[in-house]
């Protein structure tokens, strides 16, 4: 996972509002950093790959990623 993408996902996990979809939180973090749609797609793809490899859903994968930092 690219370091910039990892930072975006960590920011999304930390700033995510209650009951907000993961996709919306990641999109907001991507826009805050001035990144483009391709970066959003890469971030969501990496997050889904992590969730699949750990056999958890994307919500738990986002939380797990934030806890590791």
N, C-alpha and C. Protein backbone atom coordinates (compact mmCIF):
# COMPACT_ATOMS: atom_id res chain seq x y z
N UNK A 1 0.85 -1.18 0.00
CA UNK A 1 0.00 0.00 0.00
C UNK A 1 0.90 1.25 0.00
N UNK A 2 0.57 2.17 -0.87
CA UNK A 2 1.30 3.43 -0.98
C UNK A 2 1.15 4.24 0.32
N UNK A 3 2.20 4.93 0.73
CA UNK A 3 2.19 5.69 1.98
C UNK A 3 1.13 6.81 1.96
N UNK A 4 0.99 7.49 0.83
CA UNK A 4 -0.01 8.57 0.73
C UNK A 4 -1.43 8.01 0.88
N UNK A 5 -1.67 6.86 0.28
CA UNK A 5 -2.98 6.22 0.38
C UNK A 5 -3.22 5.78 1.82
N UNK A 6 -2.22 5.24 2.45
CA UNK A 6 -2.35 4.80 3.84
C UNK A 6 -2.68 5.99 4.74
N UNK A 7 -2.04 7.12 4.52
CA UNK A 7 -2.32 8.32 5.31
C UNK A 7 -3.76 8.81 5.10
N UNK A 8 -4.24 8.73 3.87
CA UNK A 8 -5.62 9.12 3.57
C UNK A 8 -6.59 8.22 4.33
N UNK A 9 -6.34 6.92 4.32
CA UNK A 9 -7.23 5.98 5.01
C UNK A 9 -7.21 6.19 6.52
N UNK A 10 -6.06 6.48 7.06
CA UNK A 10 -5.96 6.74 8.50
C UNK A 10 -6.72 8.02 8.85
N UNK A 11 -6.56 9.05 8.02
CA UNK A 11 -7.31 10.29 8.26
C UNK A 11 -8.81 10.04 8.17
N UNK A 12 -9.22 9.24 7.20
CA UNK A 12 -10.65 8.93 7.05
C UNK A 12 -11.18 8.21 8.29
N UNK A 13 -10.39 7.30 8.82
CA UNK A 13 -10.82 6.57 10.02
C UNK A 13 -10.95 7.50 11.22
N UNK A 14 -10.05 8.43 11.33
CA UNK A 14 -10.05 9.33 12.49
C UNK A 14 -11.12 10.41 12.41
N UNK A 15 -11.48 10.83 11.20
CA UNK A 15 -12.45 11.91 11.04
C UNK A 15 -13.84 11.41 10.67
N UNK A 16 -13.99 10.12 10.57
CA UNK A 16 -15.28 9.55 10.17
C UNK A 16 -16.34 9.86 11.21
N UNK A 17 -17.49 10.31 10.73
CA UNK A 17 -18.60 10.64 11.60
C UNK A 17 -19.42 9.38 11.88
N UNK A 18 -20.18 9.45 12.95
CA UNK A 18 -20.97 8.29 13.35
C UNK A 18 -21.95 7.89 12.25
N UNK A 19 -22.00 6.62 11.96
CA UNK A 19 -22.89 6.02 10.96
C UNK A 19 -22.65 6.56 9.54
N UNK A 20 -21.48 7.10 9.29
CA UNK A 20 -21.14 7.58 7.95
C UNK A 20 -20.53 6.42 7.16
N UNK A 21 -20.92 6.25 5.91
CA UNK A 21 -20.32 5.19 5.10
C UNK A 21 -18.81 5.40 4.93
N UNK A 22 -18.09 4.31 4.84
CA UNK A 22 -16.64 4.36 4.68
C UNK A 22 -16.28 5.14 3.41
N UNK A 23 -17.03 4.90 2.35
CA UNK A 23 -16.74 5.55 1.07
C UNK A 23 -16.80 7.07 1.18
N UNK A 24 -17.76 7.58 1.91
CA UNK A 24 -17.89 9.03 2.07
C UNK A 24 -16.72 9.59 2.87
N UNK A 25 -16.32 8.91 3.93
CA UNK A 25 -15.21 9.37 4.76
C UNK A 25 -13.90 9.38 3.97
N UNK A 26 -13.70 8.34 3.18
CA UNK A 26 -12.48 8.26 2.36
C UNK A 26 -12.51 9.36 1.29
N UNK A 27 -13.65 9.56 0.67
CA UNK A 27 -13.77 10.61 -0.35
C UNK A 27 -13.46 11.98 0.21
N UNK A 28 -13.95 12.26 1.42
CA UNK A 28 -13.69 13.55 2.05
C UNK A 28 -12.19 13.71 2.35
N UNK A 29 -11.56 12.65 2.84
CA UNK A 29 -10.12 12.72 3.14
C UNK A 29 -9.30 12.92 1.87
N UNK A 30 -9.72 12.28 0.79
CA UNK A 30 -9.02 12.45 -0.49
C UNK A 30 -9.14 13.89 -0.97
N UNK A 31 -10.35 14.46 -0.90
CA UNK A 31 -10.54 15.84 -1.35
C UNK A 31 -9.77 16.83 -0.49
N UNK A 32 -9.72 16.59 0.82
CA UNK A 32 -8.97 17.49 1.71
C UNK A 32 -7.51 17.56 1.33
N UNK A 33 -6.97 16.47 0.85
CA UNK A 33 -5.55 16.42 0.48
C UNK A 33 -5.32 16.86 -0.97
N UNK A 34 -6.38 17.25 -1.66
CA UNK A 34 -6.24 17.75 -3.03
C UNK A 34 -5.94 16.65 -4.03
N UNK A 35 -6.30 15.43 -3.70
CA UNK A 35 -6.04 14.31 -4.59
C UNK A 35 -7.21 14.14 -5.56
N UNK A 36 -7.02 13.29 -6.56
CA UNK A 36 -8.04 13.12 -7.59
C UNK A 36 -8.83 11.83 -7.40
N UNK A 37 -9.74 11.59 -8.33
CA UNK A 37 -10.62 10.42 -8.26
C UNK A 37 -9.83 9.12 -8.33
N UNK A 38 -8.76 9.10 -9.10
CA UNK A 38 -7.91 7.91 -9.20
C UNK A 38 -7.35 7.54 -7.83
N UNK A 39 -7.01 8.52 -7.03
CA UNK A 39 -6.49 8.27 -5.68
C UNK A 39 -7.58 7.66 -4.81
N UNK A 40 -8.81 8.15 -4.98
CA UNK A 40 -9.94 7.60 -4.23
C UNK A 40 -10.15 6.13 -4.59
N UNK A 41 -10.10 5.84 -5.88
CA UNK A 41 -10.28 4.46 -6.34
C UNK A 41 -9.17 3.58 -5.80
N UNK A 42 -7.93 4.07 -5.81
CA UNK A 42 -6.80 3.31 -5.28
C UNK A 42 -6.95 3.06 -3.79
N UNK A 43 -7.40 4.06 -3.06
CA UNK A 43 -7.58 3.93 -1.61
C UNK A 43 -8.65 2.90 -1.30
N UNK A 44 -9.77 2.97 -1.97
CA UNK A 44 -10.85 2.03 -1.71
C UNK A 44 -10.46 0.61 -2.15
N UNK A 45 -9.72 0.51 -3.22
CA UNK A 45 -9.27 -0.80 -3.68
C UNK A 45 -8.32 -1.43 -2.66
N UNK A 46 -7.37 -0.64 -2.17
CA UNK A 46 -6.43 -1.14 -1.16
C UNK A 46 -7.16 -1.53 0.12
N UNK A 47 -8.15 -0.73 0.51
CA UNK A 47 -8.91 -1.03 1.72
C UNK A 47 -9.72 -2.32 1.54
N UNK A 48 -10.32 -2.50 0.40
CA UNK A 48 -11.09 -3.72 0.15
C UNK A 48 -10.18 -4.94 0.07
N UNK A 49 -8.99 -4.77 -0.51
CA UNK A 49 -8.02 -5.88 -0.53
C UNK A 49 -7.61 -6.28 0.88
N UNK A 50 -7.37 -5.28 1.74
CA UNK A 50 -7.02 -5.55 3.13
C UNK A 50 -8.16 -6.29 3.83
N UNK A 51 -9.37 -5.85 3.62
CA UNK A 51 -10.53 -6.48 4.25
C UNK A 51 -10.68 -7.93 3.78
N UNK A 52 -10.48 -8.15 2.52
CA UNK A 52 -10.59 -9.51 1.98
C UNK A 52 -9.50 -10.42 2.54
N UNK A 53 -8.28 -9.93 2.59
CA UNK A 53 -7.18 -10.76 3.09
C UNK A 53 -7.32 -11.09 4.58
N UNK A 54 -7.94 -10.18 5.34
CA UNK A 54 -8.14 -10.40 6.78
C UNK A 54 -9.48 -11.07 7.07
N UNK A 55 -10.31 -11.23 6.02
CA UNK A 55 -11.65 -11.82 6.15
C UNK A 55 -12.53 -11.03 7.12
N UNK A 56 -12.51 -9.70 6.94
CA UNK A 56 -13.34 -8.79 7.72
C UNK A 56 -14.02 -7.82 6.75
N UNK A 57 -14.97 -7.03 7.23
CA UNK A 57 -15.61 -6.06 6.34
C UNK A 57 -14.78 -4.77 6.29
N UNK A 58 -15.14 -3.87 5.38
CA UNK A 58 -14.34 -2.66 5.17
C UNK A 58 -14.37 -1.73 6.38
N UNK A 59 -15.47 -1.73 7.15
CA UNK A 59 -15.52 -0.91 8.36
C UNK A 59 -14.45 -1.35 9.36
N UNK A 60 -14.37 -2.65 9.58
CA UNK A 60 -13.39 -3.19 10.51
C UNK A 60 -11.97 -3.00 9.99
N UNK A 61 -11.79 -3.12 8.67
CA UNK A 61 -10.47 -2.93 8.09
C UNK A 61 -9.98 -1.50 8.27
N UNK A 62 -10.88 -0.54 8.11
CA UNK A 62 -10.52 0.87 8.31
C UNK A 62 -10.13 1.12 9.76
N UNK A 63 -10.91 0.56 10.69
CA UNK A 63 -10.59 0.71 12.11
C UNK A 63 -9.26 0.06 12.45
N UNK A 64 -9.02 -1.11 11.91
CA UNK A 64 -7.77 -1.83 12.17
C UNK A 64 -6.57 -1.06 11.65
N UNK A 65 -6.71 -0.46 10.49
CA UNK A 65 -5.63 0.32 9.91
C UNK A 65 -5.31 1.53 10.78
N UNK A 66 -6.32 2.17 11.31
CA UNK A 66 -6.11 3.35 12.16
C UNK A 66 -5.49 2.95 13.49
N UNK A 67 -5.83 1.78 14.01
CA UNK A 67 -5.29 1.33 15.29
C UNK A 67 -3.81 0.97 15.19
N UNK A 68 -3.38 0.57 14.01
CA UNK A 68 -1.97 0.20 13.82
C UNK A 68 -1.04 1.40 13.88
N UNK A 69 -1.58 2.58 13.65
CA UNK A 69 -0.74 3.79 13.66
C UNK A 69 -0.67 4.38 15.02
